């Protein structure tokens, strides 16, 4: 019996996802990896955060939804925050990185990034037009 859980996300682009994981202090490994779960069970993912005691966190591309899905053994989840909070933080960092990337492509520069008490993040971007 598999203990792996698959969680759908709206994370569609690889680079902002990698950057978001780095922002949260994780070191994702790219390429096909076996995600370790309960009693040595494994499942394949295209991106992995390998944890010292197993219970790895993986991301794999879902063709139907055109988004990455998180795959992990929730019975072995040892992070300081529940998986729902982890996904919320990851999605927020993903959104910030997506906005910064898109505005940079349009010629804007990040002038200020502020984390508010309510958990929201405020970005100020500027562009000098000649």
N, C-alpha and C. Protein backbone atom coordinates (compact mmCIF):
# COMPACT_ATOMS: atom_id res chain seq x y z
N UNK A 1 0.84 -1.19 0.00
CA UNK A 1 0.00 0.00 0.00
C UNK A 1 0.88 1.24 0.00
N UNK A 2 0.66 2.10 -0.95
CA UNK A 2 1.47 3.31 -1.08
C UNK A 2 1.00 4.37 -0.09
N UNK A 3 1.96 5.08 0.47
CA UNK A 3 1.66 6.18 1.38
C UNK A 3 1.90 7.53 0.72
N UNK A 4 2.18 7.53 -0.56
CA UNK A 4 2.47 8.79 -1.24
C UNK A 4 1.19 9.57 -1.50
N UNK A 5 1.29 10.87 -1.33
CA UNK A 5 0.18 11.76 -1.64
C UNK A 5 0.61 12.69 -2.77
N UNK A 6 -0.32 12.99 -3.64
CA UNK A 6 -0.09 13.92 -4.73
C UNK A 6 -1.00 15.11 -4.51
N UNK A 7 -0.40 16.31 -4.53
CA UNK A 7 -1.16 17.53 -4.29
C UNK A 7 -1.07 18.39 -5.54
N UNK A 8 -2.23 18.73 -6.09
CA UNK A 8 -2.27 19.59 -7.28
C UNK A 8 -1.88 21.01 -6.88
N UNK A 9 -1.20 21.70 -7.79
CA UNK A 9 -0.81 23.09 -7.56
C UNK A 9 -1.13 23.89 -8.82
N UNK A 10 -0.88 25.18 -8.76
CA UNK A 10 -1.00 26.06 -9.92
C UNK A 10 0.40 26.53 -10.35
N UNK A 11 1.42 25.80 -9.95
CA UNK A 11 2.81 26.16 -10.26
C UNK A 11 3.14 25.62 -11.64
N UNK A 12 3.18 26.53 -12.63
CA UNK A 12 3.30 26.12 -14.02
C UNK A 12 4.68 26.31 -14.64
N UNK A 13 5.49 27.17 -14.04
CA UNK A 13 6.81 27.45 -14.62
C UNK A 13 7.91 26.93 -13.70
N UNK A 14 8.89 26.32 -14.32
CA UNK A 14 9.96 25.66 -13.58
C UNK A 14 10.87 26.63 -12.84
N UNK A 15 11.33 27.68 -13.52
CA UNK A 15 12.31 28.59 -12.90
C UNK A 15 11.78 29.30 -11.66
N UNK A 16 10.57 29.87 -11.70
CA UNK A 16 10.06 30.48 -10.46
C UNK A 16 9.86 29.47 -9.33
N UNK A 17 9.54 28.22 -9.68
CA UNK A 17 9.40 27.17 -8.67
C UNK A 17 10.75 26.87 -8.02
N UNK A 18 11.78 26.74 -8.83
CA UNK A 18 13.13 26.49 -8.29
C UNK A 18 13.55 27.64 -7.39
N UNK A 19 13.35 28.87 -7.85
CA UNK A 19 13.71 30.05 -7.06
C UNK A 19 12.91 30.11 -5.76
N UNK A 20 11.62 29.79 -5.80
CA UNK A 20 10.78 29.79 -4.60
C UNK A 20 11.28 28.77 -3.58
N UNK A 21 11.68 27.59 -4.05
CA UNK A 21 12.23 26.59 -3.13
C UNK A 21 13.52 27.10 -2.48
N UNK A 22 14.38 27.72 -3.28
CA UNK A 22 15.62 28.31 -2.74
C UNK A 22 15.29 29.39 -1.71
N UNK A 23 14.30 30.24 -2.04
CA UNK A 23 13.91 31.31 -1.12
C UNK A 23 13.49 30.76 0.24
N UNK A 24 12.88 29.58 0.24
CA UNK A 24 12.42 28.96 1.49
C UNK A 24 13.49 28.12 2.16
N UNK A 25 14.70 28.12 1.59
CA UNK A 25 15.81 27.41 2.22
C UNK A 25 16.01 25.98 1.77
N UNK A 26 15.38 25.59 0.68
CA UNK A 26 15.53 24.23 0.17
C UNK A 26 16.47 24.22 -1.03
N UNK A 27 17.12 23.09 -1.25
CA UNK A 27 18.04 22.93 -2.37
C UNK A 27 17.48 21.86 -3.31
N UNK A 28 16.63 22.26 -4.25
CA UNK A 28 16.05 21.26 -5.15
C UNK A 28 17.09 20.68 -6.10
N UNK A 29 16.95 19.39 -6.34
CA UNK A 29 17.80 18.71 -7.31
C UNK A 29 16.96 18.47 -8.55
N UNK A 30 17.52 18.82 -9.70
CA UNK A 30 16.78 18.72 -10.96
C UNK A 30 17.06 17.40 -11.64
N UNK A 31 16.15 17.01 -12.50
CA UNK A 31 16.29 15.73 -13.19
C UNK A 31 15.49 14.67 -12.46
N UNK A 32 15.34 13.51 -13.07
CA UNK A 32 14.55 12.44 -12.46
C UNK A 32 15.22 11.91 -11.20
N UNK A 33 14.44 11.88 -10.13
CA UNK A 33 14.89 11.38 -8.84
C UNK A 33 13.81 10.49 -8.25
N UNK A 34 14.24 9.55 -7.43
CA UNK A 34 13.29 8.73 -6.70
C UNK A 34 13.01 9.40 -5.36
N UNK A 35 11.74 9.67 -5.11
CA UNK A 35 11.30 10.26 -3.86
C UNK A 35 11.07 9.12 -2.88
N UNK A 36 11.73 9.19 -1.72
CA UNK A 36 11.65 8.09 -0.75
C UNK A 36 10.46 8.30 0.19
N UNK A 37 9.80 7.19 0.46
CA UNK A 37 8.66 7.22 1.36
C UNK A 37 8.72 6.10 2.38
N UNK A 38 7.58 5.73 2.89
CA UNK A 38 7.41 4.72 3.92
C UNK A 38 7.99 3.37 3.50
N UNK A 39 8.78 2.78 4.40
CA UNK A 39 9.37 1.44 4.21
C UNK A 39 10.08 1.27 2.88
N UNK A 40 10.81 2.30 2.47
CA UNK A 40 11.62 2.20 1.27
C UNK A 40 10.87 2.35 -0.04
N UNK A 41 9.58 2.64 0.02
CA UNK A 41 8.83 2.85 -1.22
C UNK A 41 9.35 4.11 -1.91
N UNK A 42 9.28 4.11 -3.23
CA UNK A 42 9.74 5.27 -3.99
C UNK A 42 8.74 5.60 -5.09
N UNK A 43 8.80 6.85 -5.54
CA UNK A 43 8.04 7.31 -6.68
C UNK A 43 8.94 8.30 -7.41
N UNK A 44 8.81 8.36 -8.74
CA UNK A 44 9.70 9.23 -9.52
C UNK A 44 9.13 10.64 -9.64
N UNK A 45 10.05 11.62 -9.61
CA UNK A 45 9.68 13.02 -9.80
C UNK A 45 10.79 13.72 -10.58
N UNK A 46 10.43 14.82 -11.26
CA UNK A 46 11.40 15.56 -12.08
C UNK A 46 12.25 16.54 -11.27
N UNK A 47 11.80 16.83 -10.05
CA UNK A 47 12.52 17.76 -9.18
C UNK A 47 12.36 17.23 -7.77
N UNK A 48 13.44 17.24 -6.99
CA UNK A 48 13.37 16.65 -5.66
C UNK A 48 14.09 17.49 -4.62
N UNK A 49 13.51 17.52 -3.45
CA UNK A 49 14.19 18.04 -2.27
C UNK A 49 14.40 16.81 -1.40
N UNK A 50 15.65 16.33 -1.37
CA UNK A 50 15.97 15.11 -0.66
C UNK A 50 16.21 15.43 0.81
N UNK A 51 15.48 14.75 1.68
CA UNK A 51 15.56 15.00 3.11
C UNK A 51 16.45 13.95 3.77
N UNK A 52 17.17 14.32 4.83
CA UNK A 52 18.11 13.39 5.47
C UNK A 52 17.50 12.06 5.93
N UNK A 53 16.30 12.08 6.50
CA UNK A 53 15.68 10.86 7.00
C UNK A 53 14.59 10.33 6.08
N UNK A 54 14.62 10.63 4.81
CA UNK A 54 13.55 10.20 3.92
C UNK A 54 12.41 11.20 3.99
N UNK A 55 11.26 10.81 3.48
CA UNK A 55 10.15 11.75 3.42
C UNK A 55 10.48 12.90 2.48
N UNK A 56 11.11 12.57 1.37
CA UNK A 56 11.51 13.57 0.39
C UNK A 56 10.31 14.32 -0.17
N UNK A 57 10.58 15.50 -0.72
CA UNK A 57 9.55 16.32 -1.36
C UNK A 57 9.86 16.33 -2.85
N UNK A 58 8.90 15.95 -3.66
CA UNK A 58 9.12 15.91 -5.09
C UNK A 58 8.09 16.74 -5.85
N UNK A 59 8.47 17.11 -7.05
CA UNK A 59 7.56 17.82 -7.96
C UNK A 59 7.64 17.13 -9.31
N UNK A 60 6.49 16.85 -9.88
CA UNK A 60 6.46 16.25 -11.21
C UNK A 60 5.42 16.96 -12.06
N UNK A 61 5.69 16.99 -13.35
CA UNK A 61 4.83 17.70 -14.29
C UNK A 61 3.59 16.87 -14.57
N UNK A 62 2.42 17.51 -14.48
CA UNK A 62 1.16 16.86 -14.81
C UNK A 62 0.70 17.43 -16.15
N UNK A 63 0.71 16.60 -17.18
CA UNK A 63 0.36 17.02 -18.54
C UNK A 63 -1.07 17.54 -18.61
N UNK A 64 -2.00 16.91 -17.91
CA UNK A 64 -3.40 17.29 -18.00
C UNK A 64 -3.65 18.68 -17.43
N UNK A 65 -3.09 18.97 -16.27
CA UNK A 65 -3.33 20.27 -15.63
C UNK A 65 -2.31 21.31 -16.05
N UNK A 66 -1.27 20.87 -16.76
CA UNK A 66 -0.16 21.73 -17.18
C UNK A 66 0.42 22.50 -16.00
N UNK A 67 0.68 21.75 -14.92
CA UNK A 67 1.27 22.35 -13.72
C UNK A 67 2.04 21.26 -12.99
N UNK A 68 2.96 21.71 -12.14
CA UNK A 68 3.69 20.77 -11.29
C UNK A 68 2.77 20.35 -10.16
N UNK A 69 2.91 19.10 -9.74
CA UNK A 69 2.21 18.62 -8.56
C UNK A 69 3.24 18.17 -7.54
N UNK A 70 2.91 18.39 -6.28
CA UNK A 70 3.79 17.99 -5.20
C UNK A 70 3.52 16.53 -4.90
N UNK A 71 4.55 15.75 -4.71
CA UNK A 71 4.40 14.36 -4.33
C UNK A 71 5.31 14.09 -3.13
N UNK A 72 4.73 13.52 -2.08
CA UNK A 72 5.49 13.24 -0.87
C UNK A 72 4.73 12.20 -0.05
N UNK A 73 5.40 11.62 0.90
CA UNK A 73 4.75 10.71 1.85
C UNK A 73 4.38 11.55 3.06
N UNK A 74 3.11 11.89 3.19
CA UNK A 74 2.67 12.77 4.27
C UNK A 74 2.87 12.16 5.65
N UNK A 75 2.95 10.83 5.74
CA UNK A 75 3.21 10.18 7.03
C UNK A 75 4.63 10.48 7.51
N UNK A 76 5.52 10.82 6.59
CA UNK A 76 6.92 11.11 6.95
C UNK A 76 7.23 12.61 6.90
N UNK A 77 6.20 13.46 6.76
CA UNK A 77 6.40 14.91 6.69
C UNK A 77 6.98 15.39 8.01
N UNK A 78 8.20 15.94 7.97
CA UNK A 78 8.87 16.37 9.19
C UNK A 78 9.21 17.87 9.18
N UNK A 79 8.64 18.60 8.25
CA UNK A 79 8.91 20.03 8.18
C UNK A 79 8.27 20.74 9.37
N UNK A 80 8.77 21.95 9.67
CA UNK A 80 8.28 22.70 10.82
C UNK A 80 6.86 23.20 10.62
N UNK A 81 6.40 23.28 9.39
CA UNK A 81 5.04 23.73 9.10
C UNK A 81 4.27 22.60 8.41
N UNK A 82 2.95 22.56 8.59
CA UNK A 82 2.16 21.55 7.88
C UNK A 82 2.28 21.72 6.37
N UNK A 83 1.98 20.68 5.62
CA UNK A 83 2.13 20.70 4.17
C UNK A 83 1.28 21.82 3.55
N UNK A 84 0.11 22.10 4.10
CA UNK A 84 -0.74 23.17 3.56
C UNK A 84 -0.04 24.53 3.68
N UNK A 85 0.59 24.78 4.83
CA UNK A 85 1.30 26.04 5.04
C UNK A 85 2.53 26.11 4.15
N UNK A 86 3.24 24.98 3.99
CA UNK A 86 4.38 24.91 3.10
C UNK A 86 3.97 25.31 1.69
N UNK A 87 2.86 24.75 1.20
CA UNK A 87 2.39 25.06 -0.15
C UNK A 87 1.96 26.52 -0.27
N UNK A 88 1.38 27.06 0.78
CA UNK A 88 0.99 28.46 0.78
C UNK A 88 2.22 29.36 0.67
N UNK A 89 3.24 29.08 1.47
CA UNK A 89 4.49 29.85 1.42
C UNK A 89 5.17 29.70 0.06
N UNK A 90 5.21 28.48 -0.45
CA UNK A 90 5.84 28.21 -1.74
C UNK A 90 5.11 28.95 -2.86
N UNK A 91 3.78 28.91 -2.83
CA UNK A 91 2.99 29.60 -3.85
C UNK A 91 3.20 31.11 -3.79
N UNK A 92 3.30 31.65 -2.59
CA UNK A 92 3.54 33.09 -2.45
C UNK A 92 4.90 33.47 -3.02
N UNK A 93 5.95 32.71 -2.69
CA UNK A 93 7.28 33.01 -3.21
C UNK A 93 7.31 32.82 -4.72
N UNK A 94 6.60 31.82 -5.23
CA UNK A 94 6.49 31.58 -6.67
C UNK A 94 5.88 32.81 -7.35
N UNK A 95 4.80 33.33 -6.77
CA UNK A 95 4.13 34.51 -7.33
C UNK A 95 5.06 35.72 -7.32
N UNK A 96 5.75 35.94 -6.22
CA UNK A 96 6.70 37.06 -6.14
C UNK A 96 7.76 36.94 -7.23
N UNK A 97 8.34 35.76 -7.37
CA UNK A 97 9.39 35.55 -8.38
C UNK A 97 8.85 35.70 -9.80
N UNK A 98 7.61 35.29 -10.02
CA UNK A 98 7.00 35.43 -11.34
C UNK A 98 6.79 36.91 -11.67
N UNK A 99 6.30 37.68 -10.70
CA UNK A 99 6.08 39.12 -10.92
C UNK A 99 7.42 39.82 -11.16
N UNK A 100 8.42 39.53 -10.36
CA UNK A 100 9.73 40.16 -10.53
C UNK A 100 10.31 39.84 -11.90
N UNK A 101 10.20 38.59 -12.32
CA UNK A 101 10.71 38.18 -13.63
C UNK A 101 9.98 38.90 -14.76
N UNK A 102 8.65 38.94 -14.67
CA UNK A 102 7.85 39.58 -15.74
C UNK A 102 8.12 41.08 -15.80
N UNK A 103 8.23 41.73 -14.66
CA UNK A 103 8.47 43.18 -14.67
C UNK A 103 9.89 43.50 -15.13
N UNK A 104 10.83 42.65 -14.81
CA UNK A 104 12.21 42.84 -15.28
C UNK A 104 12.25 42.74 -16.81
N UNK A 105 11.52 41.78 -17.37
CA UNK A 105 11.46 41.64 -18.84
C UNK A 105 10.86 42.88 -19.50
N UNK A 106 10.01 43.59 -18.78
CA UNK A 106 9.38 44.80 -19.29
C UNK A 106 10.22 46.06 -19.02
N UNK A 107 11.42 45.87 -18.45
CA UNK A 107 12.31 47.00 -18.23
C UNK A 107 12.21 47.65 -16.86
N UNK A 108 11.46 47.03 -15.94
CA UNK A 108 11.33 47.57 -14.60
C UNK A 108 12.44 47.02 -13.71
N UNK A 109 12.72 47.74 -12.63
CA UNK A 109 13.67 47.28 -11.63
C UNK A 109 12.96 47.22 -10.29
N UNK A 110 13.31 46.22 -9.50
CA UNK A 110 12.74 46.10 -8.16
C UNK A 110 13.35 47.18 -7.27
N UNK A 111 12.52 48.08 -6.78
CA UNK A 111 12.99 49.17 -5.93
C UNK A 111 12.85 48.81 -4.46
N UNK A 112 11.80 48.06 -4.13
CA UNK A 112 11.55 47.74 -2.73
C UNK A 112 10.71 46.48 -2.63
N UNK A 113 11.04 45.66 -1.63
CA UNK A 113 10.25 44.47 -1.32
C UNK A 113 10.03 44.47 0.18
N UNK A 114 8.77 44.51 0.59
CA UNK A 114 8.46 44.62 2.01
C UNK A 114 7.51 43.52 2.43
N UNK A 115 7.85 42.83 3.51
CA UNK A 115 6.95 41.82 4.08
C UNK A 115 6.09 42.49 5.15
N UNK A 116 4.80 42.42 4.99
CA UNK A 116 3.86 43.05 5.91
C UNK A 116 3.50 42.13 7.07
N UNK A 117 2.95 42.70 8.11
CA UNK A 117 2.58 41.95 9.31
C UNK A 117 1.56 40.86 8.99
N UNK A 118 0.67 41.12 8.05
CA UNK A 118 -0.37 40.14 7.71
C UNK A 118 0.13 39.00 6.83
N UNK A 119 1.44 39.01 6.52
CA UNK A 119 2.03 37.95 5.70
C UNK A 119 2.10 38.27 4.22
N UNK A 120 1.48 39.36 3.81
CA UNK A 120 1.54 39.75 2.41
C UNK A 120 2.91 40.35 2.10
N UNK A 121 3.23 40.38 0.83
CA UNK A 121 4.49 40.95 0.36
C UNK A 121 4.17 42.08 -0.61
N UNK A 122 4.77 43.22 -0.37
CA UNK A 122 4.55 44.39 -1.22
C UNK A 122 5.79 44.63 -2.06
N UNK A 123 5.59 44.76 -3.36
CA UNK A 123 6.69 45.02 -4.29
C UNK A 123 6.52 46.41 -4.89
N UNK A 124 7.63 47.13 -4.99
CA UNK A 124 7.63 48.41 -5.68
C UNK A 124 8.65 48.29 -6.80
N UNK A 125 8.18 48.50 -8.03
CA UNK A 125 9.07 48.43 -9.19
C UNK A 125 9.06 49.79 -9.87
N UNK A 126 10.18 50.12 -10.48
CA UNK A 126 10.32 51.41 -11.17
C UNK A 126 10.90 51.20 -12.55
N UNK A 127 10.63 52.17 -13.41
CA UNK A 127 11.25 52.14 -14.74
C UNK A 127 11.45 53.59 -15.16
N UNK A 128 12.63 53.86 -15.64
CA UNK A 128 12.96 55.19 -16.12
C UNK A 128 12.78 55.22 -17.62
N UNK A 129 11.87 56.03 -18.08
CA UNK A 129 11.65 56.19 -19.51
C UNK A 129 12.41 57.43 -19.98
N UNK A 130 13.18 57.30 -21.06
CA UNK A 130 13.93 58.46 -21.55
C UNK A 130 13.04 59.50 -22.17
